[in-house]
Amino acid sequence: MGGNNPKRLLITQTGSGIGRPKDQKATLVGLGLNKLNRSRVIEDSPSVRGMINKVQHLLHVEAVK
């Protein structure tokens, strides 16, 4: 039954980092994003959720099985 299947998130950058504060740009880089419409699959964790929350206006997030 389920077990140790960690939840993963598909994160796509939908907004530009141009003109954003340095901390928001650094957060995008920390998530592995640097250009529009780039996507990454990342393991869900509290630290990743915090980063997503900080730049949520620049991202589209989906859960992946």
PDB file of N, CA and C in Angstrom:
ATOM      1  N   MET A   1       0.812  -1.189   0.000  1.00  0.00           N
ATOM      2  CA  MET A   1       0.000   0.000   0.000  1.00  0.00           C
ATOM      3  C   MET A   1       0.854   1.250   0.000  1.00  0.00           C
ATOM      4  N   GLY A   2       0.971   1.865  -1.100  1.00  0.00           N
ATOM      5  CA  GLY A   2       1.704   3.137  -1.171  1.00  0.00           C
ATOM      6  C   GLY A   2       3.143   3.022  -0.735  1.00  0.00           C
ATOM      7  N   GLY A   3       3.379   3.198   0.541  1.00  0.00           N
ATOM      8  CA  GLY A   3       4.735   3.088   1.060  1.00  0.00           C
ATOM      9  C   GLY A   3       5.506   4.373   0.946  1.00  0.00           C
ATOM     10  N   ASN A   4       6.713   4.268   0.418  1.00  0.00           N
ATOM     11  CA  ASN A   4       7.628   5.408   0.374  1.00  0.00           C
ATOM     12  C   ASN A   4       7.628   6.118  -0.967  1.00  0.00           C
ATOM     13  N   ASN A   5       6.480   6.334  -1.568  1.00  0.00           N
ATOM     14  CA  ASN A   5       6.428   7.071  -2.824  1.00  0.00           C
ATOM     15  C   ASN A   5       6.397   8.559  -2.522  1.00  0.00           C
ATOM     16  N   PRO A   6       7.538   9.252  -2.638  1.00  0.00           N
ATOM     17  CA  PRO A   6       7.528  10.689  -2.361  1.00  0.00           C
ATOM     18  C   PRO A   6       6.756  11.432  -3.446  1.00  0.00           C
ATOM     19  N   LYS A   7       6.031  12.435  -3.040  1.00  0.00           N
ATOM     20  CA  LYS A   7       5.272  13.237  -3.987  1.00  0.00           C
ATOM     21  C   LYS A   7       6.234  14.120  -4.764  1.00  0.00           C
ATOM     22  N   ARG A   8       5.969  14.266  -6.046  1.00  0.00           N
ATOM     23  CA  ARG A   8       6.797  15.124  -6.888  1.00  0.00           C
ATOM     24  C   ARG A   8       5.931  16.215  -7.502  1.00  0.00           C
ATOM     25  N   LEU A   9       6.575  17.323  -7.841  1.00  0.00           N
ATOM     26  CA  LEU A   9       5.886  18.469  -8.414  1.00  0.00           C
ATOM     27  C   LEU A   9       6.498  18.824  -9.758  1.00  0.00           C
ATOM     28  N   LEU A  10       5.639  19.109 -10.738  1.00  0.00           N
ATOM     29  CA  LEU A  10       6.085  19.631 -12.029  1.00  0.00           C
ATOM     30  C   LEU A  10       5.944  21.142 -11.948  1.00  0.00           C
ATOM     31  N   ILE A  11       7.080  21.834 -12.025  1.00  0.00           N
ATOM     32  CA  ILE A  11       7.107  23.292 -11.892  1.00  0.00           C
ATOM     33  C   ILE A  11       7.508  23.884 -13.236  1.00  0.00           C
ATOM     34  N   THR A  12       6.697  24.797 -13.757  1.00  0.00           N
ATOM     35  CA  THR A  12       6.973  25.458 -15.031  1.00  0.00           C
ATOM     36  C   THR A  12       7.046  26.959 -14.798  1.00  0.00           C
ATOM     37  N   GLN A  13       8.097  27.583 -15.314  1.00  0.00           N
ATOM     38  CA  GLN A  13       8.239  29.035 -15.184  1.00  0.00           C
ATOM     39  C   GLN A  13       7.362  29.705 -16.228  1.00  0.00           C
ATOM     40  N   THR A  14       6.415  30.524 -15.783  1.00  0.00           N
ATOM     41  CA  THR A  14       5.496  31.206 -16.694  1.00  0.00           C
ATOM     42  C   THR A  14       5.717  32.713 -16.732  1.00  0.00           C
ATOM     43  N   GLY A  15       6.522  33.232 -15.811  1.00  0.00           N
ATOM     44  CA  GLY A  15       6.803  34.663 -15.764  1.00  0.00           C
ATOM     45  C   GLY A  15       8.297  34.911 -15.821  1.00  0.00           C
ATOM     46  N   SER A  16       8.676  36.067 -16.319  1.00  0.00           N
ATOM     47  CA  SER A  16      10.084  36.414 -16.476  1.00  0.00           C
ATOM     48  C   SER A  16      10.697  36.889 -15.163  1.00  0.00           C
ATOM     49  N   GLY A  17      11.976  36.607 -15.003  1.00  0.00           N
ATOM     50  CA  GLY A  17      12.724  37.098 -13.852  1.00  0.00           C
ATOM     51  C   GLY A  17      13.278  38.495 -14.071  1.00  0.00           C
ATOM     52  N   ILE A  18      13.128  39.015 -15.278  1.00  0.00           N
ATOM     53  CA  ILE A  18      13.648  40.345 -15.590  1.00  0.00           C
ATOM     54  C   ILE A  18      12.894  41.390 -14.775  1.00  0.00           C
ATOM     55  N   GLY A  19      13.632  42.272 -14.135  1.00  0.00           N
ATOM     56  CA  GLY A  19      13.035  43.333 -13.338  1.00  0.00           C
ATOM     57  C   GLY A  19      12.562  42.891 -11.963  1.00  0.00           C
ATOM     58  N   ARG A  20      12.813  41.652 -11.611  1.00  0.00           N
ATOM     59  CA  ARG A  20      12.424  41.137 -10.294  1.00  0.00           C
ATOM     60  C   ARG A  20      13.558  41.355  -9.303  1.00  0.00           C
ATOM     61  N   PRO A  21      13.258  41.402  -8.020  1.00  0.00           N
ATOM     62  CA  PRO A  21      14.319  41.536  -7.012  1.00  0.00           C
ATOM     63  C   PRO A  21      15.299  40.362  -7.082  1.00  0.00           C
ATOM     64  N   LYS A  22      16.522  40.605  -6.632  1.00  0.00           N
ATOM     65  CA  LYS A  22      17.570  39.585  -6.705  1.00  0.00           C
ATOM     66  C   LYS A  22      17.190  38.308  -5.969  1.00  0.00           C
ATOM     67  N   ASP A  23      16.482  38.436  -4.847  1.00  0.00           N
ATOM     68  CA  ASP A  23      16.120  37.232  -4.099  1.00  0.00           C
ATOM     69  C   ASP A  23      15.131  36.363  -4.874  1.00  0.00           C
ATOM     70  N   GLN A  24      14.246  36.974  -5.662  1.00  0.00           N
ATOM     71  CA  GLN A  24      13.318  36.194  -6.480  1.00  0.00           C
ATOM     72  C   GLN A  24      14.060  35.509  -7.625  1.00  0.00           C
ATOM     73  N   LYS A  25      15.011  36.194  -8.236  1.00  0.00           N
ATOM     74  CA  LYS A  25      15.818  35.575  -9.294  1.00  0.00           C
ATOM     75  C   LYS A  25      16.606  34.400  -8.735  1.00  0.00           C
ATOM     76  N   ALA A  26      17.179  34.583  -7.545  1.00  0.00           N
ATOM     77  CA  ALA A  26      17.954  33.511  -6.917  1.00  0.00           C
ATOM     78  C   ALA A  26      17.058  32.316  -6.583  1.00  0.00           C
ATOM     79  N   THR A  27      15.825  32.574  -6.206  1.00  0.00           N
ATOM     80  CA  THR A  27      14.894  31.491  -5.907  1.00  0.00           C
ATOM     81  C   THR A  27      14.575  30.698  -7.166  1.00  0.00           C
ATOM     82  N   LEU A  28      14.384  31.382  -8.294  1.00  0.00           N
ATOM     83  CA  LEU A  28      14.151  30.678  -9.559  1.00  0.00           C
ATOM     84  C   LEU A  28      15.336  29.786  -9.904  1.00  0.00           C
ATOM     85  N   VAL A  29      16.540  30.301  -9.741  1.00  0.00           N
ATOM     86  CA  VAL A  29      17.745  29.509 -10.015  1.00  0.00           C
ATOM     87  C   VAL A  29      17.810  28.319  -9.059  1.00  0.00           C
ATOM     88  N   GLY A  30      17.447  28.537  -7.808  1.00  0.00           N
ATOM     89  CA  GLY A  30      17.432  27.458  -6.827  1.00  0.00           C
ATOM     90  C   GLY A  30      16.458  26.349  -7.187  1.00  0.00           C
ATOM     91  N   LEU A  31      15.394  26.701  -7.880  1.00  0.00           N
ATOM     92  CA  LEU A  31      14.427  25.709  -8.346  1.00  0.00           C
ATOM     93  C   LEU A  31      14.851  25.084  -9.671  1.00  0.00           C
ATOM     94  N   GLY A  32      15.960  25.554 -10.235  1.00  0.00           N
ATOM     95  CA  GLY A  32      16.449  25.012 -11.497  1.00  0.00           C
ATOM     96  C   GLY A  32      15.797  25.632 -12.715  1.00  0.00           C
ATOM     97  N   LEU A  33      15.227  26.808 -12.554  1.00  0.00           N
ATOM     98  CA  LEU A  33      14.553  27.496 -13.659  1.00  0.00           C
ATOM     99  C   LEU A  33      15.305  28.772 -13.993  1.00  0.00           C
ATOM    100  N   ASN A  34      15.425  29.065 -15.284  1.00  0.00           N
ATOM    101  CA  ASN A  34      16.100  30.297 -15.670  1.00  0.00           C
ATOM    102  C   ASN A  34      15.543  30.915 -16.945  1.00  0.00           C
ATOM    103  N   LYS A  35      14.645  30.223 -17.631  1.00  0.00           N
ATOM    104  CA  LYS A  35      14.044  30.763 -18.848  1.00  0.00           C
ATOM    105  C   LYS A  35      12.557  30.432 -18.856  1.00  0.00           C
ATOM    106  N   LEU A  36      11.791  31.240 -19.558  1.00  0.00           N
ATOM    107  CA  LEU A  36      10.355  31.025 -19.652  1.00  0.00           C
ATOM    108  C   LEU A  36      10.036  29.655 -20.239  1.00  0.00           C
ATOM    109  N   ASN A  37       8.958  29.082 -19.749  1.00  0.00           N
ATOM    110  CA  ASN A  37       8.426  27.799 -20.211  1.00  0.00           C
ATOM    111  C   ASN A  37       9.349  26.613 -19.979  1.00  0.00           C
ATOM    112  N   ARG A  38      10.359  26.773 -19.131  1.00  0.00           N
ATOM    113  CA  ARG A  38      11.187  25.631 -18.726  1.00  0.00           C
ATOM    114  C   ARG A  38      10.482  24.919 -17.585  1.00  0.00           C
ATOM    115  N   SER A  39      10.571  23.601 -17.567  1.00  0.00           N
ATOM    116  CA  SER A  39       9.919  22.809 -16.529  1.00  0.00           C
ATOM    117  C   SER A  39      10.919  21.925 -15.816  1.00  0.00           C
ATOM    118  N   ARG A  40      10.623  21.630 -14.556  1.00  0.00           N
ATOM    119  CA  ARG A  40      11.436  20.725 -13.742  1.00  0.00           C
ATOM    120  C   ARG A  40      10.496  19.887 -12.890  1.00  0.00           C
ATOM    121  N   VAL A  41      10.868  18.632 -12.692  1.00  0.00           N
ATOM    122  CA  VAL A  41      10.157  17.779 -11.749  1.00  0.00           C
ATOM    123  C   VAL A  41      11.017  17.722 -10.497  1.00  0.00           C
ATOM    124  N   ILE A  42      10.439  18.135  -9.363  1.00  0.00           N
ATOM    125  CA  ILE A  42      11.185  18.263  -8.114  1.00  0.00           C
ATOM    126  C   ILE A  42      10.439  17.516  -7.017  1.00  0.00           C
ATOM    127  N   GLU A  43      11.194  16.860  -6.137  1.00  0.00           N
ATOM    128  CA  GLU A  43      10.601  16.196  -4.975  1.00  0.00           C
ATOM    129  C   GLU A  43       9.966  17.250  -4.067  1.00  0.00           C
ATOM    130  N   ASP A  44       8.779  16.947  -3.580  1.00  0.00           N
ATOM    131  CA  ASP A  44       8.070  17.869  -2.697  1.00  0.00           C
ATOM    132  C   ASP A  44       8.684  17.842  -1.302  1.00  0.00           C
ATOM    133  N   SER A  45       8.954  19.014  -0.762  1.00  0.00           N
ATOM    134  CA  SER A  45       9.472  19.141   0.599  1.00  0.00           C
ATOM    135  C   SER A  45       9.077  20.522   1.125  1.00  0.00           C
ATOM    136  N   PRO A  46       9.155  20.720   2.423  1.00  0.00           N
ATOM    137  CA  PRO A  46       8.812  22.037   2.966  1.00  0.00           C
ATOM    138  C   PRO A  46       9.683  23.164   2.408  1.00  0.00           C
ATOM    139  N   SER A  47      10.966  22.899   2.171  1.00  0.00           N
ATOM    140  CA  SER A  47      11.836  23.951   1.639  1.00  0.00           C
ATOM    141  C   SER A  47      11.462  24.303   0.204  1.00  0.00           C
ATOM    142  N   VAL A  48      11.113  23.296  -0.593  1.00  0.00           N
ATOM    143  CA  VAL A  48      10.688  23.551  -1.972  1.00  0.00           C
ATOM    144  C   VAL A  48       9.365  24.309  -1.971  1.00  0.00           C
ATOM    145  N   ARG A  49       8.454  23.939  -1.084  1.00  0.00           N
ATOM    146  CA  ARG A  49       7.171  24.647  -0.990  1.00  0.00           C
ATOM    147  C   ARG A  49       7.377  26.118  -0.631  1.00  0.00           C
ATOM    148  N   GLY A  50       8.329  26.397   0.239  1.00  0.00           N
ATOM    149  CA  GLY A  50       8.629  27.775   0.601  1.00  0.00           C
ATOM    150  C   GLY A  50       9.169  28.568  -0.575  1.00  0.00           C
ATOM    151  N   MET A  51      10.034  27.924  -1.372  1.00  0.00           N
ATOM    152  CA  MET A  51      10.578  28.592  -2.557  1.00  0.00           C
ATOM    153  C   MET A  51       9.467  28.862  -3.569  1.00  0.00           C
ATOM    154  N   ILE A  52       8.589  27.881  -3.762  1.00  0.00           N
ATOM    155  CA  ILE A  52       7.465  28.055  -4.688  1.00  0.00           C
ATOM    156  C   ILE A  52       6.568  29.191  -4.215  1.00  0.00           C
ATOM    157  N   ASN A  53       6.300  29.254  -2.933  1.00  0.00           N
ATOM    158  CA  ASN A  53       5.448  30.305  -2.378  1.00  0.00           C
ATOM    159  C   ASN A  53       6.038  31.691  -2.625  1.00  0.00           C
ATOM    160  N   LYS A  54       7.355  31.791  -2.576  1.00  0.00           N
ATOM    161  CA  LYS A  54       8.028  33.080  -2.748  1.00  0.00           C
ATOM    162  C   LYS A  54       7.873  33.627  -4.170  1.00  0.00           C
ATOM    163  N   VAL A  55       7.849  32.745  -5.166  1.00  0.00           N
ATOM    164  CA  VAL A  55       7.753  33.180  -6.571  1.00  0.00           C
ATOM    165  C   VAL A  55       6.538  32.559  -7.260  1.00  0.00           C
ATOM    166  N   GLN A  56       5.474  32.341  -6.504  1.00  0.00           N
ATOM    167  CA  GLN A  56       4.296  31.675  -7.054  1.00  0.00           C
ATOM    168  C   GLN A  56       3.672  32.437  -8.226  1.00  0.00           C
ATOM    169  N   HIS A  57       3.868  33.743  -8.274  1.00  0.00           N
ATOM    170  CA  HIS A  57       3.319  34.553  -9.359  1.00  0.00           C
ATOM    171  C   HIS A  57       4.075  34.343 -10.675  1.00  0.00           C
ATOM    172  N   LEU A  58       5.199  33.634 -10.639  1.00  0.00           N
ATOM    173  CA  LEU A  58       5.999  33.369 -11.838  1.00  0.00           C
ATOM    174  C   LEU A  58       5.951  31.899 -12.250  1.00  0.00           C
ATOM    175  N   LEU A  59       5.176  31.074 -11.546  1.00  0.00           N
ATOM    176  CA  LEU A  59       5.206  29.630 -11.755  1.00  0.00           C
ATOM    177  C   LEU A  59       3.822  29.045 -11.974  1.00  0.00           C
ATOM    178  N   HIS A  60       3.826  27.861 -12.609  1.00  0.00           N
ATOM    179  CA  HIS A  60       2.651  26.990 -12.660  1.00  0.00           C
ATOM    180  C   HIS A  60       3.095  25.673 -12.046  1.00  0.00           C
ATOM    181  N   VAL A  61       2.353  25.168 -11.070  1.00  0.00           N
ATOM    182  CA  VAL A  61       2.753  23.972 -10.328  1.00  0.00           C
ATOM    183  C   VAL A  61       1.679  22.903 -10.463  1.00  0.00           C
ATOM    184  N   GLU A  62       2.116  21.660 -10.763  1.00  0.00           N
ATOM    185  CA  GLU A  62       1.213  20.515 -10.851  1.00  0.00           C
ATOM    186  C   GLU A  62       1.807  19.362 -10.069  1.00  0.00           C
ATOM    187  N   ALA A  63       0.956  18.549  -9.484  1.00  0.00           N
ATOM    188  CA  ALA A  63       1.411  17.333  -8.802  1.00  0.00           C
ATOM    189  C   ALA A  63       1.643  16.245  -9.850  1.00  0.00           C
ATOM    190  N   VAL A  64       2.697  15.443  -9.646  1.00  0.00           N
ATOM    191  CA  VAL A  64       3.036  14.350 -10.554  1.00  0.00           C
ATOM    192  C   VAL A  64       3.037  13.067  -9.743  1.00  0.00           C
ATOM    193  N   LYS A  65       2.501  12.000 -10.321  1.00  0.00           N
ATOM    194  CA  LYS A  65       2.511  10.709  -9.621  1.00  0.00           C
ATOM    195  C   LYS A  65       3.859  10.061  -9.680  1.00  0.00           C
TER     196      LYS A  65
END
